[in-house]
Amino acid sequence: MKHRVAFRRLGRSSAHRWALIRTQVSQLVEHERIETTVQKAKELRRVADKVITWGKEGTVAARRHAASVLRRDENVNKVFGPLAERYRDRDGGYTRVVRTRKRRDDAAQLAFIEYIDRPGELRTPRQGRTKGNMFASSAAKAAAAAAATGR
């Protein structure tokens, strides 16, 4: 059993793994969609969502956290500018992993990881819970039930 095993090792040492994650997060912020293996994308999702949360926070400490992860100052400015503004009303789930194909040489399952709510995205986002519509689904169900009973 895999008790107390939190992260994927990805066949690398811890320093190599952190360098890989940092590079991929920087590329994801720059291009907003990258293709990688499914396992790397799932590990990348944790850090990429955390970087956006720091961008929404907007403090100096959060900027320093993001700068320690991202490789370029332009990426830090993008996270604290347009990306923080885009996800202002979203509470989490800023990325999407979509499986694409198997790589020809080693048959590894590949996937796109992308930021949601952007032009040219692979799939439209499902209606999630945001601060404004947290109880929208239950309210809609109650309204539909009241309309059905004629109240």
C-alpha atoms as a PDB file:
ATOM      1  CA  MET A   1       0.000   0.000   0.000  1.00  0.00           C
ATOM      2  CA  LYS A   2       1.139   3.534  -0.703  1.00  0.00           C
ATOM      3  CA  HIS A   3       0.606   5.099   2.690  1.00  0.00           C
ATOM      4  CA  ARG A   4       2.091   8.582   3.179  1.00  0.00           C
ATOM      5  CA  VAL A   5       3.365   8.815  -0.399  1.00  0.00           C
ATOM      6  CA  ALA A   6       2.368  12.279  -1.533  1.00  0.00           C
ATOM      7  CA  PHE A   7       4.016  12.962  -4.906  1.00  0.00           C
ATOM      8  CA  ARG A   8       5.092  11.192  -8.061  1.00  0.00           C
ATOM      9  CA  ARG A   9       8.825  10.627  -8.421  1.00  0.00           C
ATOM     10  CA  LEU A  10       8.816  10.717 -12.242  1.00  0.00           C
ATOM     11  CA  GLY A  11      12.047   8.704 -12.369  1.00  0.00           C
ATOM     12  CA  ARG A  12      14.187  11.657 -11.279  1.00  0.00           C
ATOM     13  CA  SER A  13      16.060  12.911  -8.249  1.00  0.00           C
ATOM     14  CA  SER A  14      14.320  15.572  -6.179  1.00  0.00           C
ATOM     15  CA  ALA A  15      16.477  18.398  -7.598  1.00  0.00           C
ATOM     16  CA  HIS A  16      15.895  17.254 -11.173  1.00  0.00           C
ATOM     17  CA  ARG A  17      12.167  16.840 -10.522  1.00  0.00           C
ATOM     18  CA  TRP A  18      11.856  20.371  -9.076  1.00  0.00           C
ATOM     19  CA  ALA A  19      13.802  21.816 -12.036  1.00  0.00           C
ATOM     20  CA  LEU A  20      11.449  20.015 -14.424  1.00  0.00           C
ATOM     21  CA  ILE A  21       8.338  21.296 -12.612  1.00  0.00           C
ATOM     22  CA  ARG A  22       9.664  24.884 -12.513  1.00  0.00           C
ATOM     23  CA  THR A  23      10.447  24.842 -16.221  1.00  0.00           C
ATOM     24  CA  GLN A  24       7.075  23.397 -17.141  1.00  0.00           C
ATOM     25  CA  VAL A  25       5.179  25.895 -14.973  1.00  0.00           C
ATOM     26  CA  SER A  26       7.085  28.736 -16.631  1.00  0.00           C
ATOM     27  CA  GLN A  27       6.272  27.356 -20.085  1.00  0.00           C
ATOM     28  CA  LEU A  28       2.621  26.886 -19.130  1.00  0.00           C
ATOM     29  CA  VAL A  29       2.345  30.496 -17.949  1.00  0.00           C
ATOM     30  CA  GLU A  30       4.015  31.718 -21.131  1.00  0.00           C
ATOM     31  CA  HIS A  31       2.083  29.613 -23.666  1.00  0.00           C
ATOM     32  CA  GLU A  32      -1.033  28.749 -21.593  1.00  0.00           C
ATOM     33  CA  ARG A  33      -1.083  25.228 -23.068  1.00  0.00           C
ATOM     34  CA  ILE A  34       1.658  22.599 -23.258  1.00  0.00           C
ATOM     35  CA  GLU A  35       1.773  18.904 -24.126  1.00  0.00           C
ATOM     36  CA  THR A  36       3.478  16.495 -21.753  1.00  0.00           C
ATOM     37  CA  THR A  37       2.872  13.076 -20.235  1.00  0.00           C
ATOM     38  CA  VAL A  38      -0.205  12.570 -18.085  1.00  0.00           C
ATOM     39  CA  GLN A  39       1.827  11.945 -14.921  1.00  0.00           C
ATOM     40  CA  LYS A  40       3.880  15.119 -15.394  1.00  0.00           C
ATOM     41  CA  ALA A  41       0.742  17.106 -16.156  1.00  0.00           C
ATOM     42  CA  LYS A  42      -0.932  15.938 -12.949  1.00  0.00           C
ATOM     43  CA  GLU A  43       2.100  16.929 -10.880  1.00  0.00           C
ATOM     44  CA  LEU A  44       2.395  20.213 -12.764  1.00  0.00           C
ATOM     45  CA  ARG A  45      -1.259  21.036 -12.059  1.00  0.00           C
ATOM     46  CA  ARG A  46      -0.598  21.306  -8.301  1.00  0.00           C
ATOM     47  CA  VAL A  47       2.146  23.903  -8.691  1.00  0.00           C
ATOM     48  CA  ALA A  48       0.485  25.810 -11.547  1.00  0.00           C
ATOM     49  CA  ASP A  49      -2.700  26.295  -9.517  1.00  0.00           C
ATOM     50  CA  LYS A  50      -0.671  27.444  -6.519  1.00  0.00           C
ATOM     51  CA  VAL A  51       1.130  30.056  -8.654  1.00  0.00           C
ATOM     52  CA  ILE A  52      -2.216  31.495  -9.811  1.00  0.00           C
ATOM     53  CA  THR A  53      -3.404  31.620  -6.195  1.00  0.00           C
ATOM     54  CA  TRP A  54      -0.299  33.627  -5.300  1.00  0.00           C
ATOM     55  CA  GLY A  55      -1.048  35.941  -8.214  1.00  0.00           C
ATOM     56  CA  LYS A  56      -4.567  36.528  -6.936  1.00  0.00           C
ATOM     57  CA  GLU A  57      -3.231  37.234  -3.454  1.00  0.00           C
ATOM     58  CA  GLY A  58      -1.074  40.052  -4.842  1.00  0.00           C
ATOM     59  CA  THR A  59       1.190  40.622  -1.839  1.00  0.00           C
ATOM     60  CA  VAL A  60       4.956  41.116  -1.911  1.00  0.00           C
ATOM     61  CA  ALA A  61       5.471  37.776  -0.179  1.00  0.00           C
ATOM     62  CA  ALA A  62       3.269  36.046  -2.762  1.00  0.00           C
ATOM     63  CA  ARG A  63       5.248  37.707  -5.571  1.00  0.00           C
ATOM     64  CA  ARG A  64       8.475  36.386  -4.052  1.00  0.00           C
ATOM     65  CA  HIS A  65       6.997  32.875  -3.795  1.00  0.00           C
ATOM     66  CA  ALA A  66       5.991  33.003  -7.455  1.00  0.00           C
ATOM     67  CA  ALA A  67       9.391  34.385  -8.474  1.00  0.00           C
ATOM     68  CA  SER A  68      11.060  31.442  -6.728  1.00  0.00           C
ATOM     69  CA  VAL A  69       9.081  29.051  -8.940  1.00  0.00           C
ATOM     70  CA  LEU A  70       8.861  30.867 -12.280  1.00  0.00           C
ATOM     71  CA  ARG A  71      11.971  31.246 -14.406  1.00  0.00           C
ATOM     72  CA  ARG A  72      11.369  34.690 -15.966  1.00  0.00           C
ATOM     73  CA  ASP A  73      10.224  38.055 -14.634  1.00  0.00           C
ATOM     74  CA  GLU A  74       7.825  38.379 -17.592  1.00  0.00           C
ATOM     75  CA  ASN A  75       6.019  35.267 -16.374  1.00  0.00           C
ATOM     76  CA  VAL A  76       5.730  36.684 -12.851  1.00  0.00           C
ATOM     77  CA  ASN A  77       4.249  39.891 -14.263  1.00  0.00           C
ATOM     78  CA  LYS A  78       1.790  37.883 -16.362  1.00  0.00           C
ATOM     79  CA  VAL A  79       0.658  35.861 -13.329  1.00  0.00           C
ATOM     80  CA  PHE A  80       0.128  38.982 -11.207  1.00  0.00           C
ATOM     81  CA  GLY A  81      -1.497  40.915 -14.054  1.00  0.00           C
ATOM     82  CA  PRO A  82      -3.763  39.327 -16.675  1.00  0.00           C
ATOM     83  CA  LEU A  83      -3.984  35.824 -15.162  1.00  0.00           C
ATOM     84  CA  ALA A  84      -4.861  37.095 -11.672  1.00  0.00           C
ATOM     85  CA  GLU A  85      -7.532  39.319 -13.222  1.00  0.00           C
ATOM     86  CA  ARG A  86      -8.928  36.456 -15.317  1.00  0.00           C
ATOM     87  CA  TYR A  87      -9.339  34.130 -12.325  1.00  0.00           C
ATOM     88  CA  ARG A  88     -10.419  36.794  -9.805  1.00  0.00           C
ATOM     89  CA  ASP A  89     -13.856  35.174  -9.254  1.00  0.00           C
ATOM     90  CA  ARG A  90     -12.750  31.533  -9.486  1.00  0.00           C
ATOM     91  CA  ASP A  91     -11.910  29.678  -6.280  1.00  0.00           C
ATOM     92  CA  GLY A  92      -9.652  27.018  -7.778  1.00  0.00           C
ATOM     93  CA  GLY A  93      -9.279  24.584 -10.635  1.00  0.00           C
ATOM     94  CA  TYR A  94      -7.436  26.917 -12.980  1.00  0.00           C
ATOM     95  CA  THR A  95      -5.982  24.143 -15.151  1.00  0.00           C
ATOM     96  CA  ARG A  96      -7.364  21.289 -17.226  1.00  0.00           C
ATOM     97  CA  VAL A  97      -5.626  18.044 -18.243  1.00  0.00           C
ATOM     98  CA  VAL A  98      -6.892  16.529 -21.511  1.00  0.00           C
ATOM     99  CA  ARG A  99      -5.457  13.214 -22.706  1.00  0.00           C
ATOM    100  CA  THR A 100      -4.431  13.324 -26.354  1.00  0.00           C
ATOM    101  CA  ARG A 101      -2.421  10.444 -27.808  1.00  0.00           C
ATOM    102  CA  LYS A 102       0.225   7.839 -27.125  1.00  0.00           C
ATOM    103  CA  ARG A 103       3.792   8.730 -27.976  1.00  0.00           C
ATOM    104  CA  ARG A 104       5.114   6.588 -30.779  1.00  0.00           C
ATOM    105  CA  ASP A 105       8.518   5.544 -29.441  1.00  0.00           C
ATOM    106  CA  ASP A 106       7.664   4.560 -25.854  1.00  0.00           C
ATOM    107  CA  ALA A 107       3.831   4.484 -25.920  1.00  0.00           C
ATOM    108  CA  ALA A 108       3.587   7.011 -23.092  1.00  0.00           C
ATOM    109  CA  GLN A 109       0.142   8.554 -22.701  1.00  0.00           C
ATOM    110  CA  LEU A 110       0.390  12.268 -23.554  1.00  0.00           C
ATOM    111  CA  ALA A 111      -1.906  15.057 -22.468  1.00  0.00           C
ATOM    112  CA  PHE A 112      -2.417  18.769 -22.887  1.00  0.00           C
ATOM    113  CA  ILE A 113      -2.430  20.848 -19.745  1.00  0.00           C
ATOM    114  CA  GLU A 114      -3.932  24.282 -20.234  1.00  0.00           C
ATOM    115  CA  TYR A 115      -5.359  27.196 -18.333  1.00  0.00           C
ATOM    116  CA  ILE A 116      -9.129  27.371 -18.602  1.00  0.00           C
ATOM    117  CA  ASP A 117     -11.265  30.386 -19.604  1.00  0.00           C
ATOM    118  CA  ARG A 118      -8.871  31.413 -22.355  1.00  0.00           C
ATOM    119  CA  PRO A 119      -9.359  31.985 -26.081  1.00  0.00           C
ATOM    120  CA  GLY A 120      -8.778  28.859 -28.169  1.00  0.00           C
ATOM    121  CA  GLU A 121      -9.194  26.365 -25.346  1.00  0.00           C
ATOM    122  CA  LEU A 122      -9.712  22.701 -26.137  1.00  0.00           C
ATOM    123  CA  ARG A 123     -13.030  22.354 -24.309  1.00  0.00           C
ATOM    124  CA  THR A 124     -15.407  24.860 -22.799  1.00  0.00           C
ATOM    125  CA  PRO A 125     -15.344  24.844 -18.997  1.00  0.00           C
ATOM    126  CA  ARG A 126     -18.161  23.359 -16.992  1.00  0.00           C
ATOM    127  CA  GLN A 127     -20.089  25.752 -14.830  1.00  0.00           C
ATOM    128  CA  GLY A 128     -18.130  25.649 -11.603  1.00  0.00           C
ATOM    129  CA  ARG A 129     -18.743  27.096  -8.208  1.00  0.00           C
ATOM    130  CA  THR A 130     -17.584  30.668  -8.061  1.00  0.00           C
ATOM    131  CA  LYS A 131     -18.116  33.168  -5.308  1.00  0.00           C
ATOM    132  CA  GLY A 132     -21.223  34.528  -7.005  1.00  0.00           C
ATOM    133  CA  ASN A 133     -22.972  31.264  -7.830  1.00  0.00           C
ATOM    134  CA  MET A 134     -21.942  28.951  -5.010  1.00  0.00           C
ATOM    135  CA  PHE A 135     -25.472  27.688  -4.488  1.00  0.00           C
ATOM    136  CA  ALA A 136     -26.647  28.192  -8.056  1.00  0.00           C
ATOM    137  CA  SER A 137     -27.248  24.501  -8.703  1.00  0.00           C
ATOM    138  CA  SER A 138     -29.304  23.942  -5.537  1.00  0.00           C
ATOM    139  CA  ALA A 139     -31.240  27.175  -6.121  1.00  0.00           C
ATOM    140  CA  ALA A 140     -31.956  26.133  -9.702  1.00  0.00           C
ATOM    141  CA  LYS A 141     -33.171  22.729  -8.514  1.00  0.00           C
ATOM    142  CA  ALA A 142     -35.441  24.348  -5.929  1.00  0.00           C
ATOM    143  CA  ALA A 143     -36.845  26.757  -8.540  1.00  0.00           C
ATOM    144  CA  ALA A 144     -37.474  23.892 -10.959  1.00  0.00           C
ATOM    145  CA  ALA A 145     -39.203  21.863  -8.254  1.00  0.00           C
ATOM    146  CA  ALA A 146     -41.376  24.834  -7.248  1.00  0.00           C
ATOM    147  CA  ALA A 147     -42.324  25.448 -10.892  1.00  0.00           C
ATOM    148  CA  ALA A 148     -43.202  21.775 -11.349  1.00  0.00           C
ATOM    149  CA  THR A 149     -45.503  21.754  -8.333  1.00  0.00           C
ATOM    150  CA  GLY A 150     -47.063  25.099  -9.278  1.00  0.00           C
ATOM    151  CA  ARG A 151     -45.992  27.058  -6.206  1.00  0.00           C
END
